[in-house]
């Protein structure tokens, strides 16, 4: 297999994302257009490299990325309760 790849810019780079295929959240470290074929015919795919909370990176298709929801707030102030 020929080791060909190129980095691709992405709007969520270095932000928290969720992989909808696995449900795992992490930081998007890179998006790479990579030849994923193990045969003589090239097959190019944009892969997202995500680093999860344990520090391990995994890949998923870029189409599986969504921004991670904000973390819930621990307490609600009185001002917020009045508007509810």
C-alpha atoms as a PDB file:
ATOM      1  CA  UNK A   1       0.000   0.000   0.000  1.00  0.00           C
ATOM      2  CA  UNK A   2       1.289   3.405  -0.921  1.00  0.00           C
ATOM      3  CA  UNK A   3       1.364   5.692   2.154  1.00  0.00           C
ATOM      4  CA  UNK A   4      -0.337   8.732   0.639  1.00  0.00           C
ATOM      5  CA  UNK A   5      -2.274  11.261   2.624  1.00  0.00           C
ATOM      6  CA  UNK A   6      -2.934  14.969   2.985  1.00  0.00           C
ATOM      7  CA  UNK A   7      -4.176  17.132   5.847  1.00  0.00           C
ATOM      8  CA  UNK A   8      -7.560  18.769   5.328  1.00  0.00           C
ATOM      9  CA  UNK A   9      -8.781  21.925   7.133  1.00  0.00           C
ATOM     10  CA  UNK A  10     -11.965  21.490   9.181  1.00  0.00           C
ATOM     11  CA  UNK A  11     -14.125  23.953  11.142  1.00  0.00           C
ATOM     12  CA  UNK A  12     -14.152  21.747  14.283  1.00  0.00           C
ATOM     13  CA  UNK A  13     -10.388  21.223  14.473  1.00  0.00           C
ATOM     14  CA  UNK A  14      -9.124  21.370  18.111  1.00  0.00           C
ATOM     15  CA  UNK A  15     -12.716  21.409  19.424  1.00  0.00           C
ATOM     16  CA  UNK A  16     -14.757  18.834  21.304  1.00  0.00           C
ATOM     17  CA  UNK A  17     -16.703  16.570  18.970  1.00  0.00           C
ATOM     18  CA  UNK A  18     -18.827  13.440  19.213  1.00  0.00           C
ATOM     19  CA  UNK A  19     -18.598  10.440  16.909  1.00  0.00           C
ATOM     20  CA  UNK A  20     -22.224   9.566  16.152  1.00  0.00           C
ATOM     21  CA  UNK A  21     -21.241   6.014  15.164  1.00  0.00           C
ATOM     22  CA  UNK A  22     -19.800   5.122  18.587  1.00  0.00           C
ATOM     23  CA  UNK A  23     -21.096   7.938  20.816  1.00  0.00           C
ATOM     24  CA  UNK A  24     -17.559   8.672  22.030  1.00  0.00           C
ATOM     25  CA  UNK A  25     -16.530  12.293  22.595  1.00  0.00           C
ATOM     26  CA  UNK A  26     -13.094  13.829  22.286  1.00  0.00           C
ATOM     27  CA  UNK A  27     -11.021  16.559  20.666  1.00  0.00           C
ATOM     28  CA  UNK A  28     -10.683  16.591  16.886  1.00  0.00           C
ATOM     29  CA  UNK A  29      -6.923  16.474  16.311  1.00  0.00           C
ATOM     30  CA  UNK A  30      -6.753  16.177  12.521  1.00  0.00           C
ATOM     31  CA  UNK A  31      -8.681  15.429   9.360  1.00  0.00           C
ATOM     32  CA  UNK A  32      -6.692  13.517   6.780  1.00  0.00           C
ATOM     33  CA  UNK A  33      -7.570  12.525   3.232  1.00  0.00           C
ATOM     34  CA  UNK A  34      -6.052   9.053   3.203  1.00  0.00           C
ATOM     35  CA  UNK A  35      -5.767   6.121   0.833  1.00  0.00           C
ATOM     36  CA  UNK A  36      -7.489   3.356   2.824  1.00  0.00           C
ATOM     37  CA  UNK A  37      -7.201   0.656   0.165  1.00  0.00           C
ATOM     38  CA  UNK A  38      -5.144  -2.474   0.733  1.00  0.00           C
ATOM     39  CA  UNK A  39      -5.431  -3.456  -2.942  1.00  0.00           C
ATOM     40  CA  UNK A  40      -3.927  -1.955  -6.075  1.00  0.00           C
ATOM     41  CA  UNK A  41      -6.983   0.275  -6.609  1.00  0.00           C
ATOM     42  CA  UNK A  42      -6.821   3.517  -4.641  1.00  0.00           C
ATOM     43  CA  UNK A  43      -9.723   4.379  -2.340  1.00  0.00           C
ATOM     44  CA  UNK A  44      -9.515   7.813  -0.736  1.00  0.00           C
ATOM     45  CA  UNK A  45     -11.459   8.767   2.369  1.00  0.00           C
ATOM     46  CA  UNK A  46     -11.459  11.719   4.759  1.00  0.00           C
ATOM     47  CA  UNK A  47     -10.742  10.341   8.215  1.00  0.00           C
ATOM     48  CA  UNK A  48     -11.141  12.291  11.450  1.00  0.00           C
ATOM     49  CA  UNK A  49      -8.603  11.619  14.207  1.00  0.00           C
ATOM     50  CA  UNK A  50     -10.207  12.139  17.633  1.00  0.00           C
ATOM     51  CA  UNK A  51      -8.400  12.040  20.995  1.00  0.00           C
ATOM     52  CA  UNK A  52     -10.693  10.800  23.775  1.00  0.00           C
ATOM     53  CA  UNK A  53     -10.455  11.500  27.520  1.00  0.00           C
ATOM     54  CA  UNK A  54      -7.944   8.676  28.106  1.00  0.00           C
ATOM     55  CA  UNK A  55      -5.565  10.204  25.546  1.00  0.00           C
ATOM     56  CA  UNK A  56      -6.027   7.495  22.935  1.00  0.00           C
ATOM     57  CA  UNK A  57      -6.807   8.536  19.389  1.00  0.00           C
ATOM     58  CA  UNK A  58      -9.264   6.783  17.129  1.00  0.00           C
ATOM     59  CA  UNK A  59     -10.514   7.412  13.609  1.00  0.00           C
ATOM     60  CA  UNK A  60     -13.958   7.805  12.145  1.00  0.00           C
ATOM     61  CA  UNK A  61     -15.452   9.122   8.941  1.00  0.00           C
ATOM     62  CA  UNK A  62     -15.733  12.902   8.845  1.00  0.00           C
ATOM     63  CA  UNK A  63     -19.457  12.511   8.136  1.00  0.00           C
ATOM     64  CA  UNK A  64     -19.838  11.015  11.650  1.00  0.00           C
ATOM     65  CA  UNK A  65     -18.677  14.197  13.423  1.00  0.00           C
ATOM     66  CA  UNK A  66     -20.968  16.528  15.330  1.00  0.00           C
ATOM     67  CA  UNK A  67     -20.003  19.245  17.828  1.00  0.00           C
ATOM     68  CA  UNK A  68     -20.111  17.897  21.385  1.00  0.00           C
ATOM     69  CA  UNK A  69     -22.847  19.410  23.535  1.00  0.00           C
ATOM     70  CA  UNK A  70     -21.761  21.863  26.217  1.00  0.00           C
ATOM     71  CA  UNK A  71     -21.138  20.449  29.652  1.00  0.00           C
ATOM     72  CA  UNK A  72     -24.124  20.857  32.013  1.00  0.00           C
ATOM     73  CA  UNK A  73     -23.859  23.604  34.599  1.00  0.00           C
ATOM     74  CA  UNK A  74     -23.491  22.422  38.195  1.00  0.00           C
ATOM     75  CA  UNK A  75     -25.765  25.022  39.771  1.00  0.00           C
ATOM     76  CA  UNK A  76     -28.502  27.373  38.643  1.00  0.00           C
ATOM     77  CA  UNK A  77     -28.500  30.914  39.968  1.00  0.00           C
ATOM     78  CA  UNK A  78     -31.614  32.701  41.252  1.00  0.00           C
ATOM     79  CA  UNK A  79     -31.551  34.983  38.236  1.00  0.00           C
ATOM     80  CA  UNK A  80     -31.837  31.943  35.942  1.00  0.00           C
ATOM     81  CA  UNK A  81     -34.680  30.470  38.026  1.00  0.00           C
ATOM     82  CA  UNK A  82     -36.809  33.637  37.681  1.00  0.00           C
ATOM     83  CA  UNK A  83     -36.733  33.436  33.911  1.00  0.00           C
ATOM     84  CA  UNK A  84     -38.017  29.851  33.887  1.00  0.00           C
END
